[in-house]
Every structure is written in structure tokens, then in C-alpha cells.
Amino acid sequence: MRFKPSLKASLLLSGILTMTGCSTLSLTNLFGSDKLAADANWVLVPVANFSPSSDADEQVERMVTVLTPAIGLKNLNRPPDPEIASETGLLDDASRIQAAKEWANQQDFQYSLTGKVLSWTDADADINQPAMISLTLEVYDLKSNELLWTISGSSEGMRGQSVYEITRPLISSLLVSLPLNTNE
């Protein structure tokens, strides 16, 4: 059975409007007027690193700091580096995160942005393995310690791409979904 051109166009337009309407409504239904204030006091709590790469967390933190102004979050503060407490001069993630949370609670911060690096693998040409990254970003209300927003994503690079080259666009695409109210 053949559709008349006008019927085909109507069905196509109806489908597009339905899909567009659903995607617009989903964000509104999830967050409504309870969007997070972009001009509030925000702090970046250190990212937990569950990958074998020793500096994946610090690289993600730097990228988040650089990328947040593009989504309207202009004032993301970083806690001071904690004093080194161990004999080896290294702090584990738990100590860094705890020190940052304690510092943030003493300040007047409303939200904390943090995350977890679940995997961080550089490309390996010898075994034909692409670079891969998997991470989660989270926002907490510092007064109630309530999780307000979380998102996870992963990306796999193409031949020759470094893990850095695939992480930056992944973080950028995850941050875009942060429900910020930038009109206050």
C-alpha cells in the first residue's frame, strides 16, 4: 500500500514532534523547577580512582574544572591540597576525599561535584587495544549529603587516540546533562 505524499509527510512530522516532545519532557519531568543553581557555591571534591592508572582521578578533575564554565558553572572551587600525613608522602583516595569534604563543610558550599573513574586504559598497539574510559559524575547537596544528580558514561577510542583524547569529549557530553538553572 502506498501512502500519499501528504500523509507520509504528516506521519514523519508527527513522529519527529513526538520524539522531540518526549526528550524535552523527560528532563523537565525529572528535575522540574528543582534545577541546581549555577551561581551557588560549588566545590570539586576529589574523584575516586578505581582504575590501575595512578593519575586518572587528577586528570579527570582537571578536565572537569576546565569544562564546567562551558555549561554555565562559572565558580567551581577546589579544596586546598591536604597536608601529607603518611611517611611515603602519598595520600590514598579516601584520605583526599575525606579531607576535601571536611574542608567543604567548614566553608559555605552548597553543592559538591565529584565522581569515580571506573576504568582508564591507554591504547596498546601491540595487542590492538583501543583507549577506553568509564566514569561516573555526581552532585551532592553538602548540607544534607543527599545525592542530587549522577550520570555514568564510557568511551572507546579509535586507533591512535589516547585516553585523554576520548575522556575530554566524554566528560563534556556528561556535564551537558547537569540540570543547571543559569537564569538566577
N, C-alpha and C. Protein backbone atom coordinates (compact mmCIF):
# COMPACT_ATOMS: atom_id res chain seq x y z
N MET A 1 0.85 -1.17 0.00
CA MET A 1 0.00 0.00 0.00
C MET A 1 0.89 1.23 0.00
N ARG A 2 0.59 2.17 -0.85
CA ARG A 2 1.38 3.41 -0.95
C ARG A 2 0.63 4.53 -0.24
N PHE A 3 1.39 5.29 0.53
CA PHE A 3 0.83 6.48 1.17
C PHE A 3 0.91 7.64 0.21
N LYS A 4 -0.03 8.53 0.34
CA LYS A 4 0.03 9.78 -0.42
C LYS A 4 1.15 10.62 0.18
N PRO A 5 1.83 11.42 -0.62
CA PRO A 5 2.93 12.24 -0.10
C PRO A 5 2.54 13.06 1.12
N SER A 6 1.34 13.60 1.12
CA SER A 6 0.97 14.44 2.27
C SER A 6 0.79 13.59 3.53
N LEU A 7 0.31 12.38 3.39
CA LEU A 7 0.16 11.50 4.54
C LEU A 7 1.53 11.07 5.06
N LYS A 8 2.45 10.74 4.15
CA LYS A 8 3.81 10.39 4.55
C LYS A 8 4.45 11.54 5.33
N ALA A 9 4.33 12.73 4.80
CA ALA A 9 4.92 13.90 5.45
C ALA A 9 4.29 14.13 6.81
N SER A 10 2.98 13.96 6.90
CA SER A 10 2.29 14.15 8.18
C SER A 10 2.75 13.13 9.21
N LEU A 11 2.87 11.87 8.79
CA LEU A 11 3.32 10.84 9.72
C LEU A 11 4.76 11.09 10.16
N LEU A 12 5.61 11.47 9.23
CA LEU A 12 7.00 11.77 9.55
C LEU A 12 7.09 12.94 10.52
N LEU A 13 6.38 14.01 10.23
CA LEU A 13 6.39 15.19 11.10
C LEU A 13 5.83 14.85 12.48
N SER A 14 4.77 14.06 12.51
CA SER A 14 4.17 13.65 13.78
C SER A 14 5.17 12.84 14.60
N GLY A 15 5.89 11.93 13.96
CA GLY A 15 6.90 11.12 14.65
C GLY A 15 8.01 11.97 15.20
N ILE A 16 8.49 12.93 14.41
CA ILE A 16 9.56 13.81 14.85
C ILE A 16 9.11 14.65 16.03
N LEU A 17 7.93 15.21 15.94
CA LEU A 17 7.43 16.03 17.04
C LEU A 17 7.23 15.20 18.31
N THR A 18 6.77 13.96 18.15
CA THR A 18 6.58 13.10 19.30
C THR A 18 7.92 12.80 19.96
N MET A 19 8.94 12.45 19.16
CA MET A 19 10.25 12.16 19.72
C MET A 19 10.85 13.40 20.38
N THR A 20 10.74 14.54 19.73
CA THR A 20 11.27 15.77 20.29
C THR A 20 10.55 16.11 21.59
N GLY A 21 9.25 15.98 21.58
CA GLY A 21 8.47 16.28 22.78
C GLY A 21 8.85 15.39 23.94
N CYS A 22 9.09 14.11 23.68
CA CYS A 22 9.46 13.19 24.75
C CYS A 22 10.80 13.55 25.35
N SER A 23 11.77 13.87 24.51
CA SER A 23 13.08 14.17 25.06
C SER A 23 13.05 15.47 25.86
N THR A 24 12.28 16.43 25.42
CA THR A 24 12.16 17.68 26.16
C THR A 24 11.45 17.45 27.48
N LEU A 25 10.39 16.65 27.46
CA LEU A 25 9.62 16.41 28.67
C LEU A 25 10.39 15.60 29.69
N SER A 26 11.26 14.70 29.24
CA SER A 26 11.94 13.85 30.21
C SER A 26 12.81 14.68 31.15
N LEU A 27 13.54 15.66 30.64
CA LEU A 27 14.37 16.49 31.51
C LEU A 27 13.49 17.33 32.44
N THR A 28 12.42 17.89 31.90
CA THR A 28 11.52 18.70 32.71
C THR A 28 10.87 17.85 33.80
N ASN A 29 10.43 16.65 33.43
CA ASN A 29 9.77 15.80 34.42
C ASN A 29 10.73 15.34 35.50
N LEU A 30 11.96 15.10 35.15
CA LEU A 30 12.92 14.64 36.14
C LEU A 30 13.28 15.73 37.14
N PHE A 31 13.50 16.94 36.65
CA PHE A 31 14.03 17.97 37.53
C PHE A 31 13.07 19.13 37.77
N GLY A 32 12.12 19.35 36.87
CA GLY A 32 11.16 20.42 37.06
C GLY A 32 11.83 21.73 37.41
N SER A 33 11.31 22.39 38.43
CA SER A 33 11.88 23.66 38.84
C SER A 33 13.02 23.47 39.84
N ASP A 34 13.33 22.23 40.16
CA ASP A 34 14.38 21.95 41.15
C ASP A 34 15.76 21.84 40.51
N LYS A 35 15.99 22.62 39.49
CA LYS A 35 17.30 22.61 38.88
C LYS A 35 18.31 23.19 39.85
N LEU A 36 19.54 22.82 39.67
CA LEU A 36 20.61 23.26 40.57
C LEU A 36 21.09 24.65 40.17
N ALA A 37 21.27 25.51 41.14
CA ALA A 37 21.65 26.89 40.87
C ALA A 37 23.11 26.96 40.41
N ALA A 38 23.31 27.44 39.21
CA ALA A 38 24.66 27.55 38.66
C ALA A 38 25.49 28.57 39.42
N ASP A 39 24.83 29.56 40.00
CA ASP A 39 25.57 30.61 40.71
C ASP A 39 25.75 30.31 42.20
N ALA A 40 25.38 29.11 42.64
CA ALA A 40 25.60 28.71 44.04
C ALA A 40 27.09 28.46 44.26
N ASN A 41 27.44 28.22 45.50
CA ASN A 41 28.83 27.88 45.83
C ASN A 41 29.05 26.39 45.60
N TRP A 42 29.90 26.08 44.64
CA TRP A 42 30.21 24.71 44.24
C TRP A 42 31.65 24.37 44.61
N VAL A 43 31.88 23.11 44.95
CA VAL A 43 33.24 22.65 45.22
C VAL A 43 33.45 21.32 44.49
N LEU A 44 34.64 21.15 43.97
CA LEU A 44 35.01 19.90 43.32
C LEU A 44 35.70 19.02 44.35
N VAL A 45 35.00 17.99 44.79
CA VAL A 45 35.58 17.02 45.72
C VAL A 45 36.39 16.03 44.88
N PRO A 46 37.56 15.62 45.36
CA PRO A 46 38.39 14.71 44.56
C PRO A 46 37.63 13.49 44.05
N VAL A 47 37.99 13.09 42.87
CA VAL A 47 37.39 11.96 42.18
C VAL A 47 38.05 10.68 42.69
N ALA A 48 37.24 9.65 42.95
CA ALA A 48 37.78 8.35 43.37
C ALA A 48 38.29 7.61 42.14
N ASN A 49 39.43 6.98 42.30
CA ASN A 49 40.07 6.30 41.17
C ASN A 49 40.07 4.79 41.41
N PHE A 50 39.27 4.06 40.62
CA PHE A 50 39.22 2.61 40.72
C PHE A 50 39.95 1.95 39.56
N SER A 51 40.71 2.73 38.82
CA SER A 51 41.45 2.20 37.67
C SER A 51 42.90 1.94 38.08
N PRO A 52 43.62 1.17 37.28
CA PRO A 52 45.03 0.93 37.60
C PRO A 52 45.93 2.15 37.34
N SER A 53 45.44 3.13 36.62
CA SER A 53 46.24 4.33 36.33
C SER A 53 46.28 5.22 37.57
N SER A 54 47.47 5.55 38.02
CA SER A 54 47.61 6.29 39.27
C SER A 54 47.15 7.74 39.21
N ASP A 55 47.11 8.34 38.02
CA ASP A 55 46.74 9.75 37.95
C ASP A 55 45.44 10.01 37.19
N ALA A 56 44.64 8.98 36.94
CA ALA A 56 43.38 9.16 36.20
C ALA A 56 42.45 10.12 36.92
N ASP A 57 42.38 10.01 38.24
CA ASP A 57 41.50 10.88 39.01
C ASP A 57 41.89 12.34 38.87
N GLU A 58 43.18 12.63 38.96
CA GLU A 58 43.64 14.01 38.85
C GLU A 58 43.41 14.57 37.45
N GLN A 59 43.58 13.74 36.43
CA GLN A 59 43.33 14.21 35.07
C GLN A 59 41.85 14.51 34.86
N VAL A 60 40.97 13.67 35.39
CA VAL A 60 39.53 13.91 35.28
C VAL A 60 39.17 15.19 36.02
N GLU A 61 39.73 15.40 37.21
CA GLU A 61 39.45 16.62 37.97
C GLU A 61 39.86 17.87 37.19
N ARG A 62 41.02 17.83 36.56
CA ARG A 62 41.47 18.98 35.76
C ARG A 62 40.53 19.24 34.59
N MET A 63 40.11 18.17 33.91
CA MET A 63 39.20 18.33 32.77
C MET A 63 37.85 18.88 33.21
N VAL A 64 37.33 18.38 34.33
CA VAL A 64 36.05 18.88 34.85
C VAL A 64 36.16 20.36 35.16
N THR A 65 37.25 20.77 35.80
CA THR A 65 37.47 22.17 36.15
C THR A 65 37.48 23.05 34.90
N VAL A 66 38.11 22.58 33.85
CA VAL A 66 38.21 23.36 32.61
C VAL A 66 36.89 23.38 31.85
N LEU A 67 36.12 22.29 31.91
CA LEU A 67 34.91 22.17 31.09
C LEU A 67 33.64 22.74 31.73
N THR A 68 33.60 22.90 33.04
CA THR A 68 32.36 23.37 33.68
C THR A 68 31.93 24.79 33.30
N PRO A 69 32.83 25.73 33.04
CA PRO A 69 32.34 27.04 32.63
C PRO A 69 31.52 27.01 31.34
N ALA A 70 31.79 26.07 30.47
CA ALA A 70 31.05 25.98 29.20
C ALA A 70 29.59 25.62 29.41
N ILE A 71 29.25 25.00 30.54
CA ILE A 71 27.85 24.65 30.80
C ILE A 71 27.17 25.66 31.72
N GLY A 72 27.88 26.73 32.08
CA GLY A 72 27.28 27.78 32.90
C GLY A 72 27.71 27.76 34.35
N LEU A 73 28.54 26.82 34.74
CA LEU A 73 29.03 26.73 36.11
C LEU A 73 30.37 27.44 36.18
N LYS A 74 30.31 28.71 36.55
CA LYS A 74 31.50 29.57 36.46
C LYS A 74 32.38 29.53 37.71
N ASN A 75 31.82 29.12 38.85
CA ASN A 75 32.55 29.23 40.11
C ASN A 75 32.67 27.86 40.79
N LEU A 76 33.49 26.98 40.20
CA LEU A 76 33.75 25.68 40.80
C LEU A 76 35.07 25.78 41.56
N ASN A 77 34.99 25.71 42.87
CA ASN A 77 36.16 25.84 43.73
C ASN A 77 36.82 24.49 43.95
N ARG A 78 38.10 24.52 44.22
CA ARG A 78 38.83 23.30 44.54
C ARG A 78 39.36 23.43 45.95
N PRO A 79 39.27 22.36 46.72
CA PRO A 79 39.80 22.42 48.09
C PRO A 79 41.31 22.52 48.06
N PRO A 80 41.89 23.04 49.13
CA PRO A 80 43.36 23.08 49.18
C PRO A 80 43.91 21.66 49.25
N ASP A 81 45.12 21.48 48.76
CA ASP A 81 45.76 20.17 48.88
C ASP A 81 45.97 19.86 50.35
N PRO A 82 45.56 18.67 50.77
CA PRO A 82 45.74 18.34 52.18
C PRO A 82 47.21 18.15 52.51
N GLU A 83 47.53 18.36 53.78
CA GLU A 83 48.90 18.13 54.21
C GLU A 83 49.20 16.64 54.11
N ILE A 84 50.42 16.34 53.73
CA ILE A 84 50.81 14.94 53.58
C ILE A 84 50.93 14.32 54.97
N ALA A 85 50.19 13.25 55.22
CA ALA A 85 50.15 12.65 56.55
C ALA A 85 50.89 11.33 56.64
N SER A 86 51.20 10.71 55.52
CA SER A 86 51.85 9.40 55.59
C SER A 86 53.35 9.53 55.38
N GLU A 87 54.06 8.51 55.83
CA GLU A 87 55.52 8.52 55.70
C GLU A 87 55.96 8.48 54.25
N THR A 88 55.19 7.85 53.39
CA THR A 88 55.57 7.73 51.99
C THR A 88 55.28 9.01 51.21
N GLY A 89 54.52 9.92 51.83
CA GLY A 89 54.21 11.17 51.15
C GLY A 89 53.04 11.07 50.20
N LEU A 90 52.31 9.97 50.27
CA LEU A 90 51.16 9.79 49.39
C LEU A 90 49.89 9.65 50.22
N LEU A 91 48.84 10.23 49.74
CA LEU A 91 47.54 10.06 50.38
C LEU A 91 46.69 9.17 49.49
N ASP A 92 45.99 8.24 50.08
CA ASP A 92 45.08 7.44 49.28
C ASP A 92 43.83 8.26 48.97
N ASP A 93 43.04 7.77 48.02
CA ASP A 93 41.84 8.49 47.60
C ASP A 93 40.91 8.80 48.77
N ALA A 94 40.73 7.83 49.65
CA ALA A 94 39.79 8.03 50.76
C ALA A 94 40.22 9.19 51.63
N SER A 95 41.51 9.32 51.90
CA SER A 95 42.00 10.42 52.72
C SER A 95 41.83 11.77 52.02
N ARG A 96 42.13 11.82 50.72
CA ARG A 96 41.96 13.06 49.94
C ARG A 96 40.50 13.48 49.93
N ILE A 97 39.61 12.52 49.70
CA ILE A 97 38.18 12.81 49.61
C ILE A 97 37.66 13.27 50.97
N GLN A 98 38.04 12.57 52.03
CA GLN A 98 37.58 12.93 53.38
C GLN A 98 38.07 14.32 53.77
N ALA A 99 39.34 14.63 53.49
CA ALA A 99 39.87 15.95 53.81
C ALA A 99 39.13 17.04 53.03
N ALA A 100 38.83 16.78 51.77
CA ALA A 100 38.11 17.77 50.96
C ALA A 100 36.69 17.98 51.47
N LYS A 101 36.02 16.90 51.87
CA LYS A 101 34.65 17.03 52.40
C LYS A 101 34.64 17.81 53.71
N GLU A 102 35.61 17.53 54.57
CA GLU A 102 35.69 18.26 55.84
C GLU A 102 35.93 19.74 55.59
N TRP A 103 36.82 20.05 54.68
CA TRP A 103 37.09 21.45 54.34
C TRP A 103 35.85 22.11 53.76
N ALA A 104 35.17 21.42 52.84
CA ALA A 104 33.98 21.98 52.19
C ALA A 104 32.87 22.22 53.20
N ASN A 105 32.72 21.33 54.18
CA ASN A 105 31.69 21.51 55.20
C ASN A 105 31.97 22.72 56.09
N GLN A 106 33.24 23.10 56.24
CA GLN A 106 33.59 24.28 57.03
C GLN A 106 33.37 25.57 56.25
N GLN A 107 33.26 25.47 54.95
CA GLN A 107 33.04 26.63 54.09
C GLN A 107 31.54 26.76 53.82
N ASP A 108 31.18 27.68 52.99
CA ASP A 108 29.77 27.91 52.68
C ASP A 108 29.42 27.36 51.29
N PHE A 109 29.73 26.10 51.03
CA PHE A 109 29.43 25.49 49.75
C PHE A 109 28.07 24.82 49.80
N GLN A 110 27.34 24.92 48.71
CA GLN A 110 26.02 24.30 48.65
C GLN A 110 26.09 22.93 47.98
N TYR A 111 26.87 22.83 46.90
CA TYR A 111 26.94 21.59 46.12
C TYR A 111 28.38 21.13 45.98
N SER A 112 28.54 19.80 45.95
CA SER A 112 29.84 19.24 45.59
C SER A 112 29.68 18.45 44.30
N LEU A 113 30.66 18.59 43.44
CA LEU A 113 30.73 17.82 42.20
C LEU A 113 31.88 16.86 42.38
N THR A 114 31.66 15.60 42.13
CA THR A 114 32.68 14.58 42.31
C THR A 114 32.45 13.47 41.31
N GLY A 115 33.15 12.38 41.46
CA GLY A 115 32.95 11.28 40.54
C GLY A 115 33.82 10.09 40.86
N LYS A 116 33.77 9.13 39.94
CA LYS A 116 34.55 7.90 40.08
C LYS A 116 35.09 7.53 38.70
N VAL A 117 36.38 7.23 38.64
CA VAL A 117 36.97 6.68 37.42
C VAL A 117 36.92 5.17 37.58
N LEU A 118 36.12 4.53 36.74
CA LEU A 118 35.95 3.08 36.84
C LEU A 118 36.96 2.33 35.99
N SER A 119 37.29 2.88 34.83
CA SER A 119 38.35 2.29 34.00
C SER A 119 39.03 3.41 33.23
N TRP A 120 40.31 3.22 33.00
CA TRP A 120 41.15 4.21 32.32
C TRP A 120 42.27 3.42 31.68
N THR A 121 42.14 3.13 30.40
CA THR A 121 43.10 2.28 29.72
C THR A 121 43.61 2.98 28.48
N ASP A 122 44.91 3.18 28.42
CA ASP A 122 45.51 3.77 27.22
C ASP A 122 45.55 2.75 26.10
N ALA A 123 45.63 3.24 24.88
CA ALA A 123 45.71 2.36 23.72
C ALA A 123 47.00 1.54 23.79
N ASP A 124 46.91 0.32 23.32
CA ASP A 124 48.08 -0.56 23.26
C ASP A 124 48.15 -1.15 21.86
N ALA A 125 49.08 -0.63 21.05
CA ALA A 125 49.20 -1.06 19.67
C ALA A 125 49.65 -2.51 19.56
N ASP A 126 50.41 -3.00 20.54
CA ASP A 126 50.90 -4.37 20.49
C ASP A 126 49.77 -5.40 20.49
N ILE A 127 48.73 -5.13 21.24
CA ILE A 127 47.62 -6.09 21.29
C ILE A 127 46.36 -5.54 20.62
N ASN A 128 46.54 -4.46 19.87
CA ASN A 128 45.44 -3.82 19.12
C ASN A 128 44.27 -3.44 20.04
N GLN A 129 44.60 -2.87 21.19
CA GLN A 129 43.59 -2.45 22.16
C GLN A 129 43.41 -0.93 22.09
N PRO A 130 42.17 -0.46 21.90
CA PRO A 130 41.94 0.99 21.87
C PRO A 130 41.94 1.56 23.29
N ALA A 131 42.09 2.86 23.38
CA ALA A 131 41.97 3.55 24.66
C ALA A 131 40.51 3.46 25.11
N MET A 132 40.31 3.26 26.42
CA MET A 132 38.95 3.14 26.96
C MET A 132 38.85 3.89 28.28
N ILE A 133 37.69 4.49 28.51
CA ILE A 133 37.42 5.21 29.74
C ILE A 133 35.99 4.91 30.17
N SER A 134 35.80 4.80 31.46
CA SER A 134 34.46 4.65 32.03
C SER A 134 34.45 5.43 33.33
N LEU A 135 33.47 6.32 33.48
CA LEU A 135 33.43 7.14 34.69
C LEU A 135 32.03 7.53 35.07
N THR A 136 31.90 7.99 36.29
CA THR A 136 30.63 8.48 36.85
C THR A 136 30.87 9.86 37.42
N LEU A 137 29.93 10.77 37.20
CA LEU A 137 29.96 12.09 37.83
C LEU A 137 28.75 12.19 38.76
N GLU A 138 28.93 12.91 39.88
CA GLU A 138 27.86 13.03 40.88
C GLU A 138 27.84 14.43 41.47
N VAL A 139 26.65 14.87 41.85
CA VAL A 139 26.48 16.13 42.57
C VAL A 139 25.74 15.83 43.88
N TYR A 140 26.29 16.35 44.98
CA TYR A 140 25.69 16.18 46.30
C TYR A 140 25.32 17.52 46.89
N ASP A 141 24.24 17.54 47.65
CA ASP A 141 23.91 18.68 48.49
C ASP A 141 24.78 18.54 49.74
N LEU A 142 25.63 19.51 49.99
CA LEU A 142 26.57 19.39 51.10
C LEU A 142 25.91 19.51 52.47
N LYS A 143 24.77 20.16 52.55
CA LYS A 143 24.09 20.31 53.84
C LYS A 143 23.45 18.99 54.28
N SER A 144 22.82 18.28 53.33
CA SER A 144 22.11 17.05 53.66
C SER A 144 22.87 15.79 53.24
N ASN A 145 23.95 15.95 52.48
CA ASN A 145 24.72 14.84 51.91
C ASN A 145 23.87 13.98 50.97
N GLU A 146 22.81 14.58 50.41
CA GLU A 146 21.92 13.87 49.50
C GLU A 146 22.49 13.90 48.08
N LEU A 147 22.45 12.75 47.43
CA LEU A 147 22.85 12.67 46.02
C LEU A 147 21.76 13.30 45.18
N LEU A 148 22.10 14.36 44.45
CA LEU A 148 21.12 15.09 43.66
C LEU A 148 21.14 14.72 42.18
N TRP A 149 22.30 14.30 41.70
CA TRP A 149 22.45 14.00 40.27
C TRP A 149 23.61 13.05 40.08
N THR A 150 23.44 12.11 39.20
CA THR A 150 24.54 11.22 38.85
C THR A 150 24.38 10.79 37.39
N ILE A 151 25.50 10.58 36.76
CA ILE A 151 25.50 10.12 35.37
C ILE A 151 26.78 9.33 35.15
N SER A 152 26.67 8.29 34.35
CA SER A 152 27.83 7.47 34.01
C SER A 152 27.96 7.38 32.51
N GLY A 153 29.18 7.18 32.07
CA GLY A 153 29.41 7.03 30.65
C GLY A 153 30.74 6.35 30.40
N SER A 154 30.87 5.87 29.20
CA SER A 154 32.14 5.25 28.81
C SER A 154 32.39 5.56 27.35
N SER A 155 33.63 5.47 26.97
CA SER A 155 34.01 5.75 25.59
C SER A 155 35.20 4.90 25.23
N GLU A 156 35.23 4.54 23.97
CA GLU A 156 36.34 3.76 23.44
C GLU A 156 36.92 4.53 22.27
N GLY A 157 38.22 4.64 22.25
CA GLY A 157 38.88 5.40 21.20
C GLY A 157 39.05 4.62 19.91
N MET A 158 39.51 5.34 18.92
CA MET A 158 39.86 4.71 17.66
C MET A 158 41.37 4.52 17.64
N ARG A 159 41.84 3.81 16.67
CA ARG A 159 43.26 3.54 16.55
C ARG A 159 44.07 4.84 16.62
N GLY A 160 45.03 4.88 17.50
CA GLY A 160 45.91 6.04 17.63
C GLY A 160 45.44 7.10 18.60
N GLN A 161 44.21 7.00 19.09
CA GLN A 161 43.72 8.00 20.03
C GLN A 161 44.18 7.67 21.45
N SER A 162 44.56 8.70 22.19
CA SER A 162 44.95 8.50 23.58
C SER A 162 43.70 8.52 24.46
N VAL A 163 43.86 8.06 25.68
CA VAL A 163 42.74 8.07 26.62
C VAL A 163 42.32 9.50 26.92
N TYR A 164 43.26 10.42 26.93
CA TYR A 164 42.93 11.83 27.14
C TYR A 164 42.01 12.35 26.03
N GLU A 165 42.31 11.97 24.79
CA GLU A 165 41.52 12.45 23.65
C GLU A 165 40.07 11.95 23.68
N ILE A 166 39.82 10.83 24.32
CA ILE A 166 38.43 10.35 24.39
C ILE A 166 37.76 10.76 25.70
N THR A 167 38.56 11.08 26.73
CA THR A 167 37.98 11.44 28.03
C THR A 167 37.38 12.84 28.01
N ARG A 168 38.06 13.78 27.42
CA ARG A 168 37.58 15.16 27.42
C ARG A 168 36.19 15.29 26.77
N PRO A 169 35.96 14.74 25.56
CA PRO A 169 34.61 14.83 25.00
C PRO A 169 33.57 14.04 25.80
N LEU A 170 33.98 12.93 26.42
CA LEU A 170 33.04 12.18 27.25
C LEU A 170 32.59 13.02 28.43
N ILE A 171 33.53 13.63 29.14
CA ILE A 171 33.18 14.47 30.29
C ILE A 171 32.30 15.63 29.84
N SER A 172 32.65 16.23 28.73
CA SER A 172 31.85 17.35 28.21
C SER A 172 30.42 16.92 27.93
N SER A 173 30.24 15.76 27.31
CA SER A 173 28.88 15.30 27.00
C SER A 173 28.11 14.92 28.26
N LEU A 174 28.78 14.41 29.28
CA LEU A 174 28.11 14.09 30.54
C LEU A 174 27.70 15.36 31.28
N LEU A 175 28.58 16.35 31.30
CA LEU A 175 28.28 17.60 32.01
C LEU A 175 27.11 18.36 31.40
N VAL A 176 26.91 18.22 30.10
CA VAL A 176 25.80 18.93 29.43
C VAL A 176 24.45 18.55 30.04
N SER A 177 24.35 17.33 30.56
CA SER A 177 23.07 16.90 31.13
C SER A 177 22.86 17.37 32.58
N LEU A 178 23.85 18.04 33.16
CA LEU A 178 23.70 18.56 34.51
C LEU A 178 22.56 19.58 34.55
N PRO A 179 21.53 19.36 35.37
CA PRO A 179 20.35 20.23 35.37
C PRO A 179 20.60 21.56 36.07
N LEU A 180 21.27 22.47 35.38
CA LEU A 180 21.63 23.76 35.96
C LEU A 180 20.58 24.81 35.62
N ASN A 181 20.29 25.65 36.60
CA ASN A 181 19.47 26.83 36.37
C ASN A 181 20.46 28.01 36.26
N THR A 182 20.69 28.46 35.05
CA THR A 182 21.65 29.53 34.83
C THR A 182 20.99 30.90 34.73
N ASN A 183 19.68 30.99 35.00
CA ASN A 183 18.95 32.25 34.87
C ASN A 183 18.73 32.97 36.18
N GLU A 184 19.29 32.48 37.26
CA GLU A 184 19.04 33.15 38.55
C GLU A 184 20.03 34.23 38.81
